[in-house]
């Protein structure tokens, strides 16, 4: 078969050789063939007639009209659904191997006669014009903190012109997370663009009892920074395409960096956040030229940050607790019956009374949770030890696992006094030092000595002399024996044959 390349060579040779026979021979074809292509002045591909006829009988003849009518009514029908319907209505007529034929037929119908597909228009971005942001879930990366799964999100912000990006670890798609993430990004950038674009923020809105509250607070945040807000259409994530694409590439970069690091475990959340920041710096390293164009036209930041926390007025209940955003927190018992101001930040909660901050604690994720600080209520629990047994939030009164082990042992050794003794030890932790009390309990448990507040206090007085925790050393596992076992080289006494 003659190729286009041979004919192109022939056309050049015809001009330089003495005869067509010589040109044809050098081009690798017969004289007759060469004459045909020379006279036609066309390549084989140009002379080839389009294939418009069938080479096999149409197995869907007689039913295609039905299928076409169904597709016109609902173009979203899949070929497999229609094929299974044909097999039910015409038993024995269609074999499974003909499904691929129908899929090709329907694909051609969609391209030639089906409804028009949505057109996406590439956008031209301008320096300092637009910034996009969104939340992305990070669970798929299997990051752990001290061996424990670390379920979290990243608030991700991207400048669409330079693709400069940054982010913040957070735990919910709340307004507080949005505001903290946006402010952190703008101050890291050092300026303010013209427009902030996001998705519909439905998760953040649904977290509020009054959706209008979100609209009001989000509007105030934009006004503080002089930003124009823009939201994409519902279910049109492609309109936020820059940040959506950066989600994918950022998480892939994190995954690769974790593999290169050799571990997905971090000693602390601060260490993990420093790792992410280092990765953002690395990703932004090649964007400095276009970023400089953006920085030249960004507007100045306001002098102060926006106060994004949510403020609530709560009355402290008889249990020395408040209910804020459908979660329960303890406060100092002296505030029982008083009205306090609760300030909900993205990642912590502050309690204020008489213009003074009286308590702060990490913010709980989700709803229906509780965080009870035993220091707030221990004095009254010591006076009312009977309340400890069925206390609703009892699980929060074990600062470490050793406190739990101590109570379990006390209930075996002194079933009638266990709770009273444990609460006395917990009071020592509140008055002295929790970590030292934990060390004292470790020593008592290791020595299998009786546990009491007096024994703990005695050990606290000689804290510097307490023995260090036993260091556990695990030898490297020798897999040669397993290899020998698999290969059948283990003798009857369990030893590998030499």
Protein backbone atom coordinates (compact mmCIF):
# COMPACT_ATOMS: atom_id res chain seq x y z
CA UNK A 1 0.00 0.00 0.00
CA UNK A 2 1.39 3.38 -1.02
CA UNK A 3 1.68 6.02 1.69
CA UNK A 4 1.34 9.81 1.47
CA UNK A 5 5.06 10.11 2.22
CA UNK A 6 5.95 7.95 -0.83
CA UNK A 7 3.78 10.07 -3.12
CA UNK A 8 5.33 13.29 -1.78
CA UNK A 9 8.74 11.81 -2.54
CA UNK A 10 7.54 10.78 -6.02
CA UNK A 11 6.38 14.34 -6.79
CA UNK A 12 9.84 15.69 -5.95
CA UNK A 13 11.63 12.98 -8.00
CA UNK A 14 9.45 13.57 -11.05
CA UNK A 15 10.94 17.05 -11.29
CA UNK A 16 14.57 15.85 -11.09
CA UNK A 17 14.71 12.40 -12.72
CA UNK A 18 14.91 11.72 -16.45
CA UNK A 19 11.93 9.36 -16.57
CA UNK A 20 8.90 8.33 -14.57
CA UNK A 21 10.26 4.79 -14.33
CA UNK A 22 13.32 5.97 -12.40
CA UNK A 23 11.27 8.25 -10.14
CA UNK A 24 8.78 5.45 -9.39
CA UNK A 25 11.55 2.99 -8.55
CA UNK A 26 13.20 5.42 -6.15
CA UNK A 27 9.84 6.18 -4.51
CA UNK A 28 9.18 2.46 -4.02
CA UNK A 29 6.17 1.92 -6.29
CA UNK A 30 5.34 0.66 -9.78
CA UNK A 31 5.33 2.95 -12.80
CA UNK A 32 1.61 2.40 -13.27
CA UNK A 33 0.89 3.46 -9.70
CA UNK A 34 3.24 6.43 -10.00
CA UNK A 35 1.53 7.58 -13.17
CA UNK A 36 -1.90 7.43 -11.46
CA UNK A 37 -0.81 9.60 -8.52
CA UNK A 38 1.14 11.97 -10.79
CA UNK A 39 -1.83 12.52 -13.09
CA UNK A 40 -4.23 12.93 -10.16
CA UNK A 41 -1.79 15.26 -8.35
CA UNK A 42 -3.17 13.99 -5.05
CA UNK A 43 -2.04 11.82 -2.14
CA UNK A 44 -3.60 8.44 -1.23
CA UNK A 45 -5.44 9.97 1.72
CA UNK A 46 -6.99 12.60 -0.57
CA UNK A 47 -8.10 10.00 -3.11
CA UNK A 48 -9.54 7.66 -0.48
CA UNK A 49 -13.32 7.60 -0.53
CA UNK A 50 -15.06 8.00 2.84
CA UNK A 51 -16.47 4.77 4.26
CA UNK A 52 -20.25 5.30 4.35
CA UNK A 53 -21.57 1.79 3.80
CA UNK A 54 -22.20 -1.02 6.27
CA UNK A 55 -20.01 -4.10 6.29
CA UNK A 56 -22.35 -6.04 8.57
CA UNK A 57 -26.08 -6.36 8.99
CA UNK A 58 -27.64 -3.84 11.41
CA UNK A 59 -28.59 -5.93 14.48
CA UNK A 60 -30.76 -3.08 15.79
CA UNK A 61 -32.79 -2.69 12.60
CA UNK A 62 -36.46 -2.48 13.54
CA UNK A 63 -35.83 -1.26 17.09
CA UNK A 64 -33.57 1.73 16.53
CA UNK A 65 -36.54 4.01 15.89
CA UNK A 66 -37.87 3.13 19.36
CA UNK A 67 -34.51 3.83 20.94
CA UNK A 68 -34.10 7.13 19.10
CA UNK A 69 -37.54 8.23 20.31
CA UNK A 70 -36.60 7.39 23.92
CA UNK A 71 -33.31 9.29 23.58
CA UNK A 72 -35.08 12.34 22.15
CA UNK A 73 -37.43 12.30 25.14
CA UNK A 74 -34.63 11.81 27.67
CA UNK A 75 -31.13 12.15 26.25
CA UNK A 76 -29.59 11.15 29.58
CA UNK A 77 -30.54 7.48 29.15
CA UNK A 78 -27.48 5.24 29.13
CA UNK A 79 -26.83 2.63 26.46
CA UNK A 80 -26.68 -0.18 29.03
CA UNK A 81 -30.11 0.75 30.39
CA UNK A 82 -31.63 0.71 26.91
CA UNK A 83 -29.87 -2.54 26.00
CA UNK A 84 -31.14 -4.32 29.13
CA UNK A 85 -34.64 -3.05 28.29
CA UNK A 86 -34.32 -4.55 24.79
CA UNK A 87 -33.23 -7.89 26.23
CA UNK A 88 -36.28 -7.93 28.49
CA UNK A 89 -38.69 -7.01 25.70
CA UNK A 90 -37.09 -9.24 23.03
CA UNK A 91 -35.90 -12.40 24.85
CA UNK A 92 -33.09 -14.22 23.05
CA UNK A 93 -32.68 -11.66 20.27
CA UNK A 94 -29.74 -9.65 21.66
CA UNK A 95 -26.57 -11.14 23.14
CA UNK A 96 -24.42 -9.38 25.75
CA UNK A 97 -21.64 -8.90 23.22
CA UNK A 98 -23.82 -6.50 21.22
CA UNK A 99 -23.89 -3.90 24.00
CA UNK A 100 -20.69 -2.28 22.70
CA UNK A 101 -22.29 -1.93 19.25
CA UNK A 102 -25.25 -0.07 20.77
CA UNK A 103 -22.92 2.14 22.81
CA UNK A 104 -21.10 3.22 19.64
CA UNK A 105 -24.42 3.80 17.86
CA UNK A 106 -25.76 6.00 20.68
CA UNK A 107 -22.48 7.88 20.92
CA UNK A 108 -22.75 8.74 17.22
CA UNK A 109 -26.41 9.75 17.67
CA UNK A 110 -25.51 12.12 20.53
CA UNK A 111 -22.80 13.76 18.40
CA UNK A 112 -24.94 14.06 15.24
CA UNK A 113 -28.52 14.48 16.46
CA UNK A 114 -28.45 14.82 20.24
CA UNK A 115 -28.84 18.00 22.28
CA UNK A 116 -26.02 20.54 22.30
CA UNK A 117 -23.56 20.20 25.16
CA UNK A 118 -22.71 23.01 27.52
CA UNK A 119 -19.99 25.29 26.18
CA UNK A 120 -17.27 26.48 28.56
CA UNK A 121 -15.64 29.79 27.71
CA UNK A 122 -12.00 30.28 28.63
CA UNK A 123 -11.58 33.46 30.66
CA UNK A 124 -8.82 36.04 30.49
CA UNK A 125 -7.64 37.05 33.96
CA UNK A 126 -6.31 40.45 34.94
CA UNK A 127 -3.77 41.27 37.70
CA UNK A 128 -5.33 42.07 41.05
CA UNK A 129 -8.85 41.50 39.75
CA UNK A 130 -10.15 38.20 41.15
CA UNK A 131 -9.48 35.85 44.04
CA UNK A 132 -11.34 32.54 44.46
CA UNK A 133 -11.67 30.51 47.64
CA UNK A 134 -13.25 27.28 48.79
CA UNK A 135 -12.96 24.54 51.42
CA UNK A 136 -11.45 21.15 50.57
CA UNK A 137 -11.56 17.97 52.65
CA UNK A 138 -8.18 16.36 53.44
CA UNK A 139 -9.23 12.99 54.90
CA UNK A 140 -8.07 11.09 51.80
CA UNK A 141 -4.45 11.95 52.66
CA UNK A 142 -4.60 9.93 55.92
CA UNK A 143 -2.64 12.48 57.99
CA UNK A 144 -2.27 11.60 61.69
CA UNK A 145 -1.19 13.61 64.75
CA UNK A 146 0.69 11.47 67.27
CA UNK A 147 -0.79 8.41 65.63
CA UNK A 148 -4.39 9.62 65.78
CA UNK A 149 -6.40 10.34 62.59
CA UNK A 150 -6.58 14.07 61.94
CA UNK A 151 -9.88 14.82 60.21
CA UNK A 152 -9.75 18.35 58.87
CA UNK A 153 -10.33 20.70 55.96
CA UNK A 154 -8.21 23.38 54.36
CA UNK A 155 -9.63 26.79 53.49
CA UNK A 156 -7.93 27.38 50.14
CA UNK A 157 -7.54 30.79 48.45
CA UNK A 158 -6.11 31.39 44.95
CA UNK A 159 -5.37 34.52 42.92
CA UNK A 160 -6.63 33.67 39.44
CA UNK A 161 -4.03 35.71 37.51
CA UNK A 162 -0.81 34.51 39.15
CA UNK A 163 -2.18 31.30 40.77
CA UNK A 164 -0.58 32.41 44.06
CA UNK A 165 -2.24 30.32 46.76
CA UNK A 166 -2.38 29.80 50.48
CA UNK A 167 -4.60 28.03 52.99
CA UNK A 168 -5.56 27.42 56.60
CA UNK A 169 -6.40 24.24 58.49
CA UNK A 170 -9.97 24.28 59.80
CA UNK A 171 -12.63 21.82 60.93
CA UNK A 172 -15.92 23.05 59.47
CA UNK A 173 -17.26 25.19 56.67
CA UNK A 174 -18.36 27.89 59.10
CA UNK A 175 -18.38 31.65 58.65
CA UNK A 176 -15.69 31.95 61.32
CA UNK A 177 -13.41 29.58 59.36
CA UNK A 178 -14.11 31.48 56.14
CA UNK A 179 -13.35 34.85 57.74
CA UNK A 180 -10.20 33.65 59.53
CA UNK A 181 -8.92 31.94 56.38
CA UNK A 182 -9.62 34.92 54.13
CA UNK A 183 -8.06 37.42 56.54
CA UNK A 184 -4.98 35.28 57.03
CA UNK A 185 -4.56 34.96 53.26
CA UNK A 186 -5.02 38.69 52.58
CA UNK A 187 -2.54 39.70 55.27
CA UNK A 188 -0.06 37.09 54.01
CA UNK A 189 -0.53 38.54 50.52
CA UNK A 190 -0.19 42.11 51.73
CA UNK A 191 -3.06 43.60 49.74
CA UNK A 192 -6.68 43.29 48.64
CA UNK A 193 -7.92 42.39 45.13
CA UNK A 194 -11.18 43.70 43.69
CA UNK A 195 -13.47 40.64 43.72
CA UNK A 196 -13.83 37.58 45.96
CA UNK A 197 -15.58 34.62 44.34
CA UNK A 198 -16.82 31.51 46.15
CA UNK A 199 -19.37 28.75 45.77
CA UNK A 200 -22.84 29.06 47.30
CA UNK A 201 -21.39 28.41 50.81
CA UNK A 202 -24.42 26.24 51.51
CA UNK A 203 -22.62 24.25 54.24
CA UNK A 204 -21.75 27.43 56.14
CA UNK A 205 -25.28 28.75 55.77
CA UNK A 206 -26.91 25.49 56.89
CA UNK A 207 -24.89 25.61 60.14
CA UNK A 208 -26.86 28.69 61.20
CA UNK A 209 -30.36 28.80 62.56
CA UNK A 210 -31.01 31.98 60.55
CA UNK A 211 -29.54 31.96 57.00
CA UNK A 212 -29.94 35.74 56.83
CA UNK A 213 -27.38 35.99 59.64
CA UNK A 214 -24.69 34.55 57.34
CA UNK A 215 -25.55 36.97 54.55
CA UNK A 216 -25.29 39.91 56.93
CA UNK A 217 -21.96 38.83 58.44
CA UNK A 218 -20.43 37.89 55.07
CA UNK A 219 -21.46 41.25 53.64
CA UNK A 220 -19.87 43.05 56.59
CA UNK A 221 -16.63 41.11 56.05
CA UNK A 222 -16.52 42.09 52.37
CA UNK A 223 -17.25 45.74 53.16
CA UNK A 224 -14.47 45.82 55.76
CA UNK A 225 -11.94 44.84 53.08
CA UNK A 226 -13.61 46.69 50.23
CA UNK A 227 -14.19 43.46 48.30
CA UNK A 228 -16.97 42.83 45.84
CA UNK A 229 -18.57 39.44 46.48
CA UNK A 230 -19.50 37.04 43.71
CA UNK A 231 -21.02 33.57 44.01
CA UNK A 232 -21.16 30.89 41.34
CA UNK A 233 -24.39 29.30 40.17
CA UNK A 234 -25.68 26.28 42.09
CA UNK A 235 -24.04 22.99 41.00
CA UNK A 236 -21.65 24.85 38.65
CA UNK A 237 -18.30 24.16 40.33
CA UNK A 238 -16.55 24.83 37.00
CA UNK A 239 -17.28 28.55 37.50
CA UNK A 240 -14.87 28.42 40.43
CA UNK A 241 -12.50 26.48 38.20
CA UNK A 242 -9.18 27.97 39.31
CA UNK A 243 -9.53 27.07 42.97
CA UNK A 244 -11.17 23.71 42.14
CA UNK A 245 -8.21 22.79 39.94
CA UNK A 246 -5.78 24.00 42.60
CA UNK A 247 -7.57 21.76 45.15
CA UNK A 248 -6.65 18.75 43.04
CA UNK A 249 -3.07 19.83 42.38
CA UNK A 250 -2.47 21.00 45.95
CA UNK A 251 -3.63 17.70 47.46
CA UNK A 252 -1.56 15.77 44.94
CA UNK A 253 1.47 17.88 45.94
CA UNK A 254 0.75 17.22 49.63
CA UNK A 255 0.47 13.49 48.94
CA UNK A 256 3.79 13.47 47.07
CA UNK A 257 5.50 15.51 49.80
CA UNK A 258 4.21 13.10 52.45
CA UNK A 259 5.57 10.12 50.50
CA UNK A 260 8.91 11.88 50.13
CA UNK A 261 8.88 12.67 53.86
CA UNK A 262 8.41 8.97 54.61
CA UNK A 263 5.64 9.42 57.17
CA UNK A 264 2.14 10.85 57.37
CA UNK A 265 2.33 11.27 61.14
CA UNK A 266 3.20 14.57 62.81
CA UNK A 267 4.19 15.32 66.38
CA UNK A 268 1.69 18.18 66.66
CA UNK A 269 -0.80 20.21 64.71
CA UNK A 270 1.72 23.08 64.63
CA UNK A 271 4.25 20.80 62.93
CA UNK A 272 1.68 19.77 60.31
CA UNK A 273 0.66 23.38 59.64
CA UNK A 274 4.33 24.36 59.24
CA UNK A 275 4.69 21.50 56.73
CA UNK A 276 1.71 22.81 54.72
CA UNK A 277 3.02 26.38 54.81
CA UNK A 278 6.39 25.21 53.54
CA UNK A 279 4.62 23.43 50.68
CA UNK A 280 2.63 26.58 49.80
CA UNK A 281 5.88 28.56 49.74
CA UNK A 282 7.40 25.97 47.43
CA UNK A 283 4.39 26.00 45.08
CA UNK A 284 4.40 29.81 44.97
CA UNK A 285 8.12 29.95 44.23
CA UNK A 286 7.66 29.93 40.47
CA UNK A 287 4.85 32.50 40.44
CA UNK A 288 6.78 35.52 41.68
CA UNK A 289 6.90 37.35 38.36
CA UNK A 290 3.15 37.33 37.80
CA UNK A 291 2.55 37.86 41.53
CA UNK A 292 4.61 41.08 41.32
CA UNK A 293 2.18 42.32 38.66
CA UNK A 294 -0.71 41.64 41.04
CA UNK A 295 0.95 43.24 44.05
CA UNK A 296 1.49 46.42 42.05
CA UNK A 297 -2.27 46.94 41.64
CA UNK A 298 -3.67 45.48 44.90
CA UNK A 299 -5.38 47.88 47.26
CA UNK A 300 -4.01 48.50 50.75
CA UNK A 301 -5.17 46.41 53.70
CA UNK A 302 -7.32 48.06 56.40
CA UNK A 303 -5.54 49.04 59.61
CA UNK A 304 -7.41 46.46 61.72
CA UNK A 305 -8.70 42.98 61.09
CA UNK A 306 -12.40 42.29 61.01
CA UNK A 307 -13.87 40.97 64.26
CA UNK A 308 -15.25 37.76 62.76
CA UNK A 309 -16.19 35.95 65.96
CA UNK A 310 -19.81 35.16 66.68
CA UNK A 311 -20.98 36.70 69.96
CA UNK A 312 -23.64 35.09 72.11
CA UNK A 313 -25.19 35.97 75.44
CA UNK A 314 -25.44 32.86 77.62
CA UNK A 315 -26.56 32.27 81.18
CA UNK A 316 -24.36 29.95 83.21
CA UNK A 317 -26.44 27.01 84.42
CA UNK A 318 -26.46 25.28 87.79
CA UNK A 319 -24.00 22.71 86.46
CA UNK A 320 -21.44 25.48 85.83
CA UNK A 321 -21.94 25.04 82.08
CA UNK A 322 -23.04 27.11 79.11
CA UNK A 323 -24.59 25.98 75.84
CA UNK A 324 -23.03 27.73 72.84
CA UNK A 325 -23.76 26.85 69.22
CA UNK A 326 -25.43 23.62 70.44
CA UNK A 327 -22.35 22.43 72.36
CA UNK A 328 -21.74 22.43 76.12
CA UNK A 329 -18.71 24.03 77.80
CA UNK A 330 -17.84 24.37 81.47
CA UNK A 331 -16.89 27.69 83.07
CA UNK A 332 -15.67 28.59 86.59
CA UNK A 333 -18.36 27.79 89.15
CA UNK A 334 -18.30 31.32 90.56
CA UNK A 335 -20.15 32.43 87.40
CA UNK A 336 -23.23 30.23 88.02
CA UNK A 337 -26.38 32.25 87.42
CA UNK A 338 -24.52 35.07 85.64
CA UNK A 339 -24.98 36.25 82.06
CA UNK A 340 -21.71 35.91 80.12
CA UNK A 341 -20.65 36.82 76.59
CA UNK A 342 -19.40 33.90 74.53
CA UNK A 343 -17.19 34.68 71.55
CA UNK A 344 -17.02 31.85 69.03
CA UNK A 345 -13.88 32.01 66.91
CA UNK A 346 -12.96 29.58 64.14
CA UNK A 347 -10.96 27.31 66.43
CA UNK A 348 -11.46 28.47 70.00
CA UNK A 349 -14.12 29.84 72.34
CA UNK A 350 -13.72 32.77 74.71
CA UNK A 351 -15.94 33.53 77.70
CA UNK A 352 -16.12 37.18 78.85
CA UNK A 353 -17.68 38.75 81.93
CA UNK A 354 -17.52 42.42 82.94
CA UNK A 355 -15.19 43.20 80.02
CA UNK A 356 -12.72 40.54 81.17
CA UNK A 357 -11.88 37.21 79.56
CA UNK A 358 -12.55 34.56 82.21
CA UNK A 359 -12.10 31.34 80.21
CA UNK A 360 -10.92 30.05 76.85
CA UNK A 361 -11.08 26.56 75.37
CA UNK A 362 -10.79 24.83 71.98
CA UNK A 363 -13.98 25.03 69.96
CA UNK A 364 -15.86 21.75 69.61
CA UNK A 365 -16.61 20.41 66.14
CA UNK A 366 -20.11 19.43 65.11
CA UNK A 367 -23.12 19.56 67.41
CA UNK A 368 -24.13 17.90 70.68
CA UNK A 369 -20.59 17.75 72.08
CA UNK A 370 -19.30 18.74 75.50
CA UNK A 371 -16.00 19.92 76.97
CA UNK A 372 -15.87 19.94 80.77
CA UNK A 373 -12.75 21.23 82.51
CA UNK A 374 -12.51 19.39 85.82
CA UNK A 375 -10.77 22.41 87.37
CA UNK A 376 -14.02 24.38 87.09
CA UNK A 377 -16.07 21.96 89.19
CA UNK A 378 -13.68 19.79 91.23
CA UNK A 379 -14.15 21.70 94.51
CA UNK A 380 -17.87 20.96 94.50
CA UNK A 381 -17.41 17.37 93.31
CA UNK A 382 -15.15 16.74 96.33
CA UNK A 383 -18.00 18.00 98.54
CA UNK A 384 -20.57 15.90 96.64
CA UNK A 385 -18.71 12.69 95.68
CA UNK A 386 -21.99 10.83 95.24
CA UNK A 387 -22.74 12.92 92.15
CA UNK A 388 -19.69 11.54 90.34
CA UNK A 389 -21.04 8.04 89.63
CA UNK A 390 -23.84 9.12 87.30
CA UNK A 391 -22.51 12.50 86.22
CA UNK A 392 -23.58 13.12 82.63
CA UNK A 393 -20.15 14.36 81.58
CA UNK A 394 -18.10 11.96 83.70
CA UNK A 395 -15.96 10.86 80.73
CA UNK A 396 -14.45 14.38 80.62
CA UNK A 397 -13.09 14.00 84.17
CA UNK A 398 -10.20 11.71 83.20
CA UNK A 399 -7.34 13.96 82.04
CA UNK A 400 -5.24 10.97 80.92
CA UNK A 401 -5.65 7.22 80.62
CA UNK A 402 -3.75 6.72 83.91
CA UNK A 403 -6.47 8.59 85.81
CA UNK A 404 -8.99 6.15 84.33
CA UNK A 405 -6.77 3.18 85.28
CA UNK A 406 -6.41 4.54 88.80
CA UNK A 407 -10.19 4.72 89.27
CA UNK A 408 -10.66 1.19 87.90
CA UNK A 409 -8.09 -0.12 90.40
CA UNK A 410 -9.66 1.86 93.25
CA UNK A 411 -13.07 0.35 92.50
CA UNK A 412 -11.50 -3.09 92.92
CA UNK A 413 -9.48 -2.24 96.05
CA UNK A 414 -11.88 0.15 97.82
CA UNK A 415 -15.34 -0.16 96.20
CA UNK A 416 -17.02 1.97 98.91
CA UNK A 417 -14.52 4.84 98.83
CA UNK A 418 -13.20 4.69 95.25
CA UNK A 419 -14.96 7.83 93.98
CA UNK A 420 -14.04 9.90 97.02
CA UNK A 421 -10.37 8.90 96.79
CA UNK A 422 -10.27 9.50 93.01
CA UNK A 423 -11.78 12.98 93.35
CA UNK A 424 -9.20 13.84 96.01
CA UNK A 425 -6.46 12.84 93.53
CA UNK A 426 -8.15 14.88 90.77
CA UNK A 427 -8.22 17.86 93.12
CA UNK A 428 -4.48 17.49 93.62
CA UNK A 429 -4.06 17.63 89.83
CA UNK A 430 -6.03 20.89 89.76
CA UNK A 431 -4.14 22.43 92.68
CA UNK A 432 -0.63 21.18 91.96
CA UNK A 433 0.37 19.91 88.54
CA UNK A 434 -1.56 17.52 86.31
CA UNK A 435 1.49 16.03 84.61
CA UNK A 436 3.24 15.42 87.98
CA UNK A 437 0.13 13.69 89.34
CA UNK A 438 0.03 11.59 86.18
CA UNK A 439 3.69 10.60 86.78
CA UNK A 440 2.90 9.72 90.39
CA UNK A 441 0.02 7.49 89.30
CA UNK A 442 2.36 5.81 86.79
CA UNK A 443 4.81 4.95 89.57
CA UNK A 444 2.08 3.62 91.89
CA UNK A 445 0.59 1.50 89.13
CA UNK A 446 4.01 0.15 88.05
CA UNK A 447 4.88 -0.75 91.67
CA UNK A 448 1.40 -2.21 92.26
CA UNK A 449 1.08 -0.08 95.40
CA UNK A 450 -2.18 1.09 96.96
CA UNK A 451 -3.47 4.26 95.37
CA UNK A 452 -4.50 7.18 97.56
CA UNK A 453 -4.30 10.95 97.64
CA UNK A 454 -1.69 10.70 100.42
CA UNK A 455 0.51 8.35 98.34
CA UNK A 456 0.27 10.68 95.36
CA UNK A 457 1.11 13.71 97.52
CA UNK A 458 4.16 11.94 98.94
CA UNK A 459 5.45 11.22 95.44
CA UNK A 460 4.80 14.81 94.40
CA UNK A 461 7.10 15.99 97.16
CA UNK A 462 9.90 13.90 95.67
CA UNK A 463 9.01 14.61 92.03
CA UNK A 464 12.63 14.96 90.91
CA UNK A 465 13.43 11.49 92.23
CA UNK A 466 10.63 9.71 90.35
CA UNK A 467 11.93 6.98 88.05
CA UNK A 468 11.63 7.61 84.33
CA UNK A 469 9.08 5.61 82.34
CA UNK A 470 10.32 2.20 81.27
CA UNK A 471 11.83 2.40 77.82
CA UNK A 472 10.42 -0.31 75.60
CA UNK A 473 12.81 -1.62 72.95
CA UNK A 474 11.53 -3.84 70.16
CA UNK A 475 14.12 -5.76 68.18
CA UNK A 476 13.95 -5.68 64.41
CA UNK A 477 11.88 -8.54 63.04
CA UNK A 478 13.90 -11.13 61.12
CA UNK A 479 11.79 -12.20 58.18
CA UNK A 480 14.14 -14.96 57.02
CA UNK A 481 12.27 -17.55 59.09
CA UNK A 482 8.98 -16.57 57.41
CA UNK A 483 10.61 -16.78 53.98
CA UNK A 484 11.89 -20.26 54.85
CA UNK A 485 8.43 -21.27 56.05
CA UNK A 486 6.81 -20.12 52.83
CA UNK A 487 9.39 -21.94 50.73
CA UNK A 488 8.84 -25.16 52.71
CA UNK A 489 12.32 -25.24 54.22
CA UNK A 490 11.23 -25.56 57.86
CA UNK A 491 11.95 -28.84 59.62
CA UNK A 492 9.51 -30.66 61.90
CA UNK A 493 11.00 -29.04 65.03
CA UNK A 494 10.20 -25.55 63.69
CA UNK A 495 13.79 -24.64 62.74
CA UNK A 496 14.79 -23.54 59.25
CA UNK A 497 16.80 -26.17 57.39
CA UNK A 498 20.34 -25.16 56.59
